[in-house]
Amino acid sequence: MSAIVEQLYRKYKKSLLSKKEAAEELSISTATLDRLRKQGLIRSKKVGGGIYFTLNELATFIGE
């Protein structure tokens, strides 16, 4: 487990982050996060009608 993933897991105590949480962690707007997702630059999962991001995907996007 990477350092970023461990840090995020300690902070949130879960392995999927909502669009709002992911955007806050990346210091971008949810609209920018949607653009990145639609461009295929960051992968997401659809769960119960909501869009979520794994901690590993956020770490990969950040570049770790």
PDB file of N, CA and C in Angstrom:
ATOM      1  N   MET A   1       0.850  -1.179   0.000  1.00  0.00           N
ATOM      2  CA  MET A   1       0.000   0.000   0.000  1.00  0.00           C
ATOM      3  C   MET A   1       0.892   1.236   0.000  1.00  0.00           C
ATOM      4  N   SER A   2       0.617   2.166  -0.897  1.00  0.00           N
ATOM      5  CA  SER A   2       1.455   3.363  -0.994  1.00  0.00           C
ATOM      6  C   SER A   2       1.179   4.317   0.170  1.00  0.00           C
ATOM      7  N   ALA A   3       2.082   5.240   0.361  1.00  0.00           N
ATOM      8  CA  ALA A   3       1.961   6.200   1.456  1.00  0.00           C
ATOM      9  C   ALA A   3       0.707   7.065   1.299  1.00  0.00           C
ATOM     10  N   ILE A   4       0.409   7.469   0.075  1.00  0.00           N
ATOM     11  CA  ILE A   4      -0.778   8.295  -0.159  1.00  0.00           C
ATOM     12  C   ILE A   4      -2.043   7.512   0.156  1.00  0.00           C
ATOM     13  N   VAL A   5      -2.102   6.271  -0.296  1.00  0.00           N
ATOM     14  CA  VAL A   5      -3.275   5.429  -0.040  1.00  0.00           C
ATOM     15  C   VAL A   5      -3.451   5.237   1.467  1.00  0.00           C
ATOM     16  N   GLU A   6      -2.369   4.959   2.173  1.00  0.00           N
ATOM     17  CA  GLU A   6      -2.441   4.783   3.630  1.00  0.00           C
ATOM     18  C   GLU A   6      -2.938   6.048   4.315  1.00  0.00           C
ATOM     19  N   GLN A   7      -2.423   7.189   3.881  1.00  0.00           N
ATOM     20  CA  GLN A   7      -2.822   8.466   4.465  1.00  0.00           C
ATOM     21  C   GLN A   7      -4.314   8.732   4.222  1.00  0.00           C
ATOM     22  N   LEU A   8      -4.780   8.495   3.003  1.00  0.00           N
ATOM     23  CA  LEU A   8      -6.186   8.709   2.688  1.00  0.00           C
ATOM     24  C   LEU A   8      -7.077   7.734   3.463  1.00  0.00           C
ATOM     25  N   TYR A   9      -6.635   6.490   3.591  1.00  0.00           N
ATOM     26  CA  TYR A   9      -7.438   5.513   4.317  1.00  0.00           C
ATOM     27  C   TYR A   9      -7.560   5.893   5.792  1.00  0.00           C
ATOM     28  N   ARG A  10      -6.462   6.359   6.378  1.00  0.00           N
ATOM     29  CA  ARG A  10      -6.516   6.803   7.784  1.00  0.00           C
ATOM     30  C   ARG A  10      -7.464   7.982   7.944  1.00  0.00           C
ATOM     31  N   LYS A  11      -7.482   8.866   6.965  1.00  0.00           N
ATOM     32  CA  LYS A  11      -8.337  10.056   7.042  1.00  0.00           C
ATOM     33  C   LYS A  11      -9.810   9.712   6.877  1.00  0.00           C
ATOM     34  N   TYR A  12     -10.144   8.873   5.907  1.00  0.00           N
ATOM     35  CA  TYR A  12     -11.548   8.604   5.575  1.00  0.00           C
ATOM     36  C   TYR A  12     -12.091   7.288   6.120  1.00  0.00           C
ATOM     37  N   LYS A  13     -11.241   6.343   6.474  1.00  0.00           N
ATOM     38  CA  LYS A  13     -11.653   5.027   6.980  1.00  0.00           C
ATOM     39  C   LYS A  13     -12.543   4.269   5.989  1.00  0.00           C
ATOM     40  N   LYS A  14     -12.297   4.465   4.700  1.00  0.00           N
ATOM     41  CA  LYS A  14     -13.019   3.752   3.639  1.00  0.00           C
ATOM     42  C   LYS A  14     -12.154   3.739   2.394  1.00  0.00           C
ATOM     43  N   SER A  15     -12.486   2.856   1.453  1.00  0.00           N
ATOM     44  CA  SER A  15     -11.633   2.704   0.270  1.00  0.00           C
ATOM     45  C   SER A  15     -12.177   3.383  -0.982  1.00  0.00           C
ATOM     46  N   LEU A  16     -13.393   3.902  -0.925  1.00  0.00           N
ATOM     47  CA  LEU A  16     -13.964   4.661  -2.050  1.00  0.00           C
ATOM     48  C   LEU A  16     -14.303   6.060  -1.585  1.00  0.00           C
ATOM     49  N   LEU A  17     -13.950   7.049  -2.398  1.00  0.00           N
ATOM     50  CA  LEU A  17     -14.282   8.435  -2.079  1.00  0.00           C
ATOM     51  C   LEU A  17     -15.321   8.950  -3.058  1.00  0.00           C
ATOM     52  N   SER A  18     -16.225   9.771  -2.564  1.00  0.00           N
ATOM     53  CA  SER A  18     -17.222  10.398  -3.427  1.00  0.00           C
ATOM     54  C   SER A  18     -16.539  11.395  -4.358  1.00  0.00           C
ATOM     55  N   LYS A  19     -17.288  11.857  -5.323  1.00  0.00           N
ATOM     56  CA  LYS A  19     -16.754  12.843  -6.262  1.00  0.00           C
ATOM     57  C   LYS A  19     -16.291  14.091  -5.512  1.00  0.00           C
ATOM     58  N   LYS A  20     -17.088  14.541  -4.556  1.00  0.00           N
ATOM     59  CA  LYS A  20     -16.743  15.740  -3.786  1.00  0.00           C
ATOM     60  C   LYS A  20     -15.460  15.518  -2.971  1.00  0.00           C
ATOM     61  N   GLU A  21     -15.363  14.375  -2.292  1.00  0.00           N
ATOM     62  CA  GLU A  21     -14.169  14.077  -1.492  1.00  0.00           C
ATOM     63  C   GLU A  21     -12.924  13.971  -2.366  1.00  0.00           C
ATOM     64  N   ALA A  22     -13.056  13.297  -3.506  1.00  0.00           N
ATOM     65  CA  ALA A  22     -11.916  13.142  -4.414  1.00  0.00           C
ATOM     66  C   ALA A  22     -11.456  14.498  -4.944  1.00  0.00           C
ATOM     67  N   ALA A  23     -12.411  15.333  -5.330  1.00  0.00           N
ATOM     68  CA  ALA A  23     -12.068  16.662  -5.840  1.00  0.00           C
ATOM     69  C   ALA A  23     -11.350  17.478  -4.767  1.00  0.00           C
ATOM     70  N   GLU A  24     -11.823  17.397  -3.535  1.00  0.00           N
ATOM     71  CA  GLU A  24     -11.173  18.133  -2.443  1.00  0.00           C
ATOM     72  C   GLU A  24      -9.743  17.637  -2.231  1.00  0.00           C
ATOM     73  N   GLU A  25      -9.536  16.329  -2.277  1.00  0.00           N
ATOM     74  CA  GLU A  25      -8.189  15.775  -2.093  1.00  0.00           C
ATOM     75  C   GLU A  25      -7.245  16.200  -3.211  1.00  0.00           C
ATOM     76  N   LEU A  26      -7.772  16.349  -4.432  1.00  0.00           N
ATOM     77  CA  LEU A  26      -6.951  16.749  -5.575  1.00  0.00           C
ATOM     78  C   LEU A  26      -6.876  18.266  -5.726  1.00  0.00           C
ATOM     79  N   SER A  27      -7.596  18.993  -4.886  1.00  0.00           N
ATOM     80  CA  SER A  27      -7.656  20.470  -4.928  1.00  0.00           C
ATOM     81  C   SER A  27      -8.145  20.969  -6.282  1.00  0.00           C
ATOM     82  N   ILE A  28      -9.197  20.320  -6.783  1.00  0.00           N
ATOM     83  CA  ILE A  28      -9.829  20.730  -8.034  1.00  0.00           C
ATOM     84  C   ILE A  28     -11.336  20.744  -7.825  1.00  0.00           C
ATOM     85  N   SER A  29     -12.050  21.330  -8.761  1.00  0.00           N
ATOM     86  CA  SER A  29     -13.508  21.351  -8.669  1.00  0.00           C
ATOM     87  C   SER A  29     -14.086  20.017  -9.131  1.00  0.00           C
ATOM     88  N   THR A  30     -15.327  19.761  -8.762  1.00  0.00           N
ATOM     89  CA  THR A  30     -15.975  18.537  -9.224  1.00  0.00           C
ATOM     90  C   THR A  30     -16.166  18.575 -10.743  1.00  0.00           C
ATOM     91  N   ALA A  31     -16.335  19.765 -11.311  1.00  0.00           N
ATOM     92  CA  ALA A  31     -16.464  19.890 -12.769  1.00  0.00           C
ATOM     93  C   ALA A  31     -15.161  19.476 -13.460  1.00  0.00           C
ATOM     94  N   THR A  32     -14.031  19.885 -12.905  1.00  0.00           N
ATOM     95  CA  THR A  32     -12.738  19.487 -13.463  1.00  0.00           C
ATOM     96  C   THR A  32     -12.544  17.984 -13.317  1.00  0.00           C
ATOM     97  N   LEU A  33     -12.939  17.440 -12.177  1.00  0.00           N
ATOM     98  CA  LEU A  33     -12.847  16.001 -11.964  1.00  0.00           C
ATOM     99  C   LEU A  33     -13.698  15.257 -12.990  1.00  0.00           C
ATOM    100  N   ASP A  34     -14.895  15.754 -13.283  1.00  0.00           N
ATOM    101  CA  ASP A  34     -15.748  15.149 -14.310  1.00  0.00           C
ATOM    102  C   ASP A  34     -15.071  15.178 -15.677  1.00  0.00           C
ATOM    103  N   ARG A  35     -14.420  16.300 -16.008  1.00  0.00           N
ATOM    104  CA  ARG A  35     -13.712  16.409 -17.295  1.00  0.00           C
ATOM    105  C   ARG A  35     -12.578  15.389 -17.373  1.00  0.00           C
ATOM    106  N   LEU A  36     -11.801  15.280 -16.309  1.00  0.00           N
ATOM    107  CA  LEU A  36     -10.699  14.314 -16.281  1.00  0.00           C
ATOM    108  C   LEU A  36     -11.226  12.893 -16.437  1.00  0.00           C
ATOM    109  N   ARG A  37     -12.348  12.608 -15.800  1.00  0.00           N
ATOM    110  CA  ARG A  37     -12.951  11.279 -15.874  1.00  0.00           C
ATOM    111  C   ARG A  37     -13.435  10.986 -17.283  1.00  0.00           C
ATOM    112  N   LYS A  38     -14.083  11.957 -17.911  1.00  0.00           N
ATOM    113  CA  LYS A  38     -14.594  11.768 -19.269  1.00  0.00           C
ATOM    114  C   LYS A  38     -13.467  11.650 -20.292  1.00  0.00           C
ATOM    115  N   GLN A  39     -12.322  12.274 -20.009  1.00  0.00           N
ATOM    116  CA  GLN A  39     -11.156  12.173 -20.890  1.00  0.00           C
ATOM    117  C   GLN A  39     -10.385  10.881 -20.657  1.00  0.00           C
ATOM    118  N   GLY A  40     -10.776  10.120 -19.646  1.00  0.00           N
ATOM    119  CA  GLY A  40     -10.100   8.858 -19.350  1.00  0.00           C
ATOM    120  C   GLY A  40      -8.809   9.014 -18.564  1.00  0.00           C
ATOM    121  N   LEU A  41      -8.594  10.174 -17.969  1.00  0.00           N
ATOM    122  CA  LEU A  41      -7.357  10.420 -17.233  1.00  0.00           C
ATOM    123  C   LEU A  41      -7.427   9.909 -15.795  1.00  0.00           C
ATOM    124  N   ILE A  42      -8.641   9.705 -15.299  1.00  0.00           N
ATOM    125  CA  ILE A  42      -8.832   9.127 -13.978  1.00  0.00           C
ATOM    126  C   ILE A  42     -10.057   8.215 -14.053  1.00  0.00           C
ATOM    127  N   ARG A  43      -9.929   7.029 -13.493  1.00  0.00           N
ATOM    128  CA  ARG A  43     -11.022   6.055 -13.569  1.00  0.00           C
ATOM    129  C   ARG A  43     -11.927   6.171 -12.347  1.00  0.00           C
ATOM    130  N   SER A  44     -13.190   5.860 -12.558  1.00  0.00           N
ATOM    131  CA  SER A  44     -14.168   5.916 -11.475  1.00  0.00           C
ATOM    132  C   SER A  44     -15.003   4.646 -11.478  1.00  0.00           C
ATOM    133  N   LYS A  45     -15.780   4.494 -10.428  1.00  0.00           N
ATOM    134  CA  LYS A  45     -16.705   3.373 -10.309  1.00  0.00           C
ATOM    135  C   LYS A  45     -18.094   3.949 -10.051  1.00  0.00           C
ATOM    136  N   LYS A  46     -19.102   3.324 -10.640  1.00  0.00           N
ATOM    137  CA  LYS A  46     -20.473   3.746 -10.397  1.00  0.00           C
ATOM    138  C   LYS A  46     -21.079   2.768  -9.401  1.00  0.00           C
ATOM    139  N   VAL A  47     -21.526   3.291  -8.274  1.00  0.00           N
ATOM    140  CA  VAL A  47     -22.114   2.468  -7.222  1.00  0.00           C
ATOM    141  C   VAL A  47     -23.436   3.111  -6.808  1.00  0.00           C
ATOM    142  N   GLY A  48     -24.520   2.399  -7.016  1.00  0.00           N
ATOM    143  CA  GLY A  48     -25.828   2.903  -6.595  1.00  0.00           C
ATOM    144  C   GLY A  48     -26.187   4.256  -7.174  1.00  0.00           C
ATOM    145  N   GLY A  49     -25.784   4.519  -8.386  1.00  0.00           N
ATOM    146  CA  GLY A  49     -26.093   5.795  -9.021  1.00  0.00           C
ATOM    147  C   GLY A  49     -25.088   6.897  -8.735  1.00  0.00           C
ATOM    148  N   GLY A  50     -24.143   6.666  -7.838  1.00  0.00           N
ATOM    149  CA  GLY A  50     -23.127   7.670  -7.530  1.00  0.00           C
ATOM    150  C   GLY A  50     -21.799   7.322  -8.177  1.00  0.00           C
ATOM    151  N   ILE A  51     -20.964   8.327  -8.345  1.00  0.00           N
ATOM    152  CA  ILE A  51     -19.632   8.148  -8.921  1.00  0.00           C
ATOM    153  C   ILE A  51     -18.621   8.176  -7.776  1.00  0.00           C
ATOM    154  N   TYR A  52     -17.763   7.145  -7.725  1.00  0.00           N
ATOM    155  CA  TYR A  52     -16.773   7.028  -6.665  1.00  0.00           C
ATOM    156  C   TYR A  52     -15.396   6.739  -7.245  1.00  0.00           C
ATOM    157  N   PHE A  53     -14.373   7.059  -6.459  1.00  0.00           N
ATOM    158  CA  PHE A  53     -12.989   6.885  -6.880  1.00  0.00           C
ATOM    159  C   PHE A  53     -12.250   6.087  -5.821  1.00  0.00           C
ATOM    160  N   THR A  54     -11.464   5.097  -6.259  1.00  0.00           N
ATOM    161  CA  THR A  54     -10.689   4.311  -5.300  1.00  0.00           C
ATOM    162  C   THR A  54      -9.475   5.122  -4.846  1.00  0.00           C
ATOM    163  N   LEU A  55      -9.005   4.787  -3.669  1.00  0.00           N
ATOM    164  CA  LEU A  55      -7.809   5.460  -3.147  1.00  0.00           C
ATOM    165  C   LEU A  55      -6.617   5.179  -4.048  1.00  0.00           C
ATOM    166  N   ASN A  56      -6.530   3.959  -4.567  1.00  0.00           N
ATOM    167  CA  ASN A  56      -5.433   3.616  -5.478  1.00  0.00           C
ATOM    168  C   ASN A  56      -5.480   4.452  -6.746  1.00  0.00           C
ATOM    169  N   GLU A  57      -6.674   4.695  -7.267  1.00  0.00           N
ATOM    170  CA  GLU A  57      -6.806   5.497  -8.489  1.00  0.00           C
ATOM    171  C   GLU A  57      -6.361   6.936  -8.233  1.00  0.00           C
ATOM    172  N   LEU A  58      -6.712   7.477  -7.083  1.00  0.00           N
ATOM    173  CA  LEU A  58      -6.267   8.848  -6.743  1.00  0.00           C
ATOM    174  C   LEU A  58      -4.741   8.895  -6.628  1.00  0.00           C
ATOM    175  N   ALA A  59      -4.148   7.894  -5.983  1.00  0.00           N
ATOM    176  CA  ALA A  59      -2.689   7.855  -5.843  1.00  0.00           C
ATOM    177  C   ALA A  59      -2.022   7.739  -7.206  1.00  0.00           C
ATOM    178  N   THR A  60      -2.586   6.913  -8.086  1.00  0.00           N
ATOM    179  CA  THR A  60      -2.044   6.767  -9.433  1.00  0.00           C
ATOM    180  C   THR A  60      -2.135   8.087 -10.195  1.00  0.00           C
ATOM    181  N   PHE A  61      -3.265   8.774 -10.071  1.00  0.00           N
ATOM    182  CA  PHE A  61      -3.438  10.046 -10.773  1.00  0.00           C
ATOM    183  C   PHE A  61      -2.446  11.084 -10.246  1.00  0.00           C
ATOM    184  N   ILE A  62      -2.245  11.115  -8.954  1.00  0.00           N
ATOM    185  CA  ILE A  62      -1.299  12.073  -8.360  1.00  0.00           C
ATOM    186  C   ILE A  62       0.113  11.797  -8.851  1.00  0.00           C
ATOM    187  N   GLY A  63       0.362  10.522  -9.168  1.00  0.00           N
ATOM    188  CA  GLY A  63       1.664  10.189  -9.740  1.00  0.00           C
ATOM    189  C   GLY A  63       2.546   9.369  -8.846  1.00  0.00           C
ATOM    190  N   GLU A  64       1.972   8.761  -7.831  1.00  0.00           N
ATOM    191  CA  GLU A  64       2.803   7.933  -6.962  1.00  0.00           C
ATOM    192  C   GLU A  64       2.934   6.544  -7.557  1.00  0.00           C
TER     193      GLU A  64
END
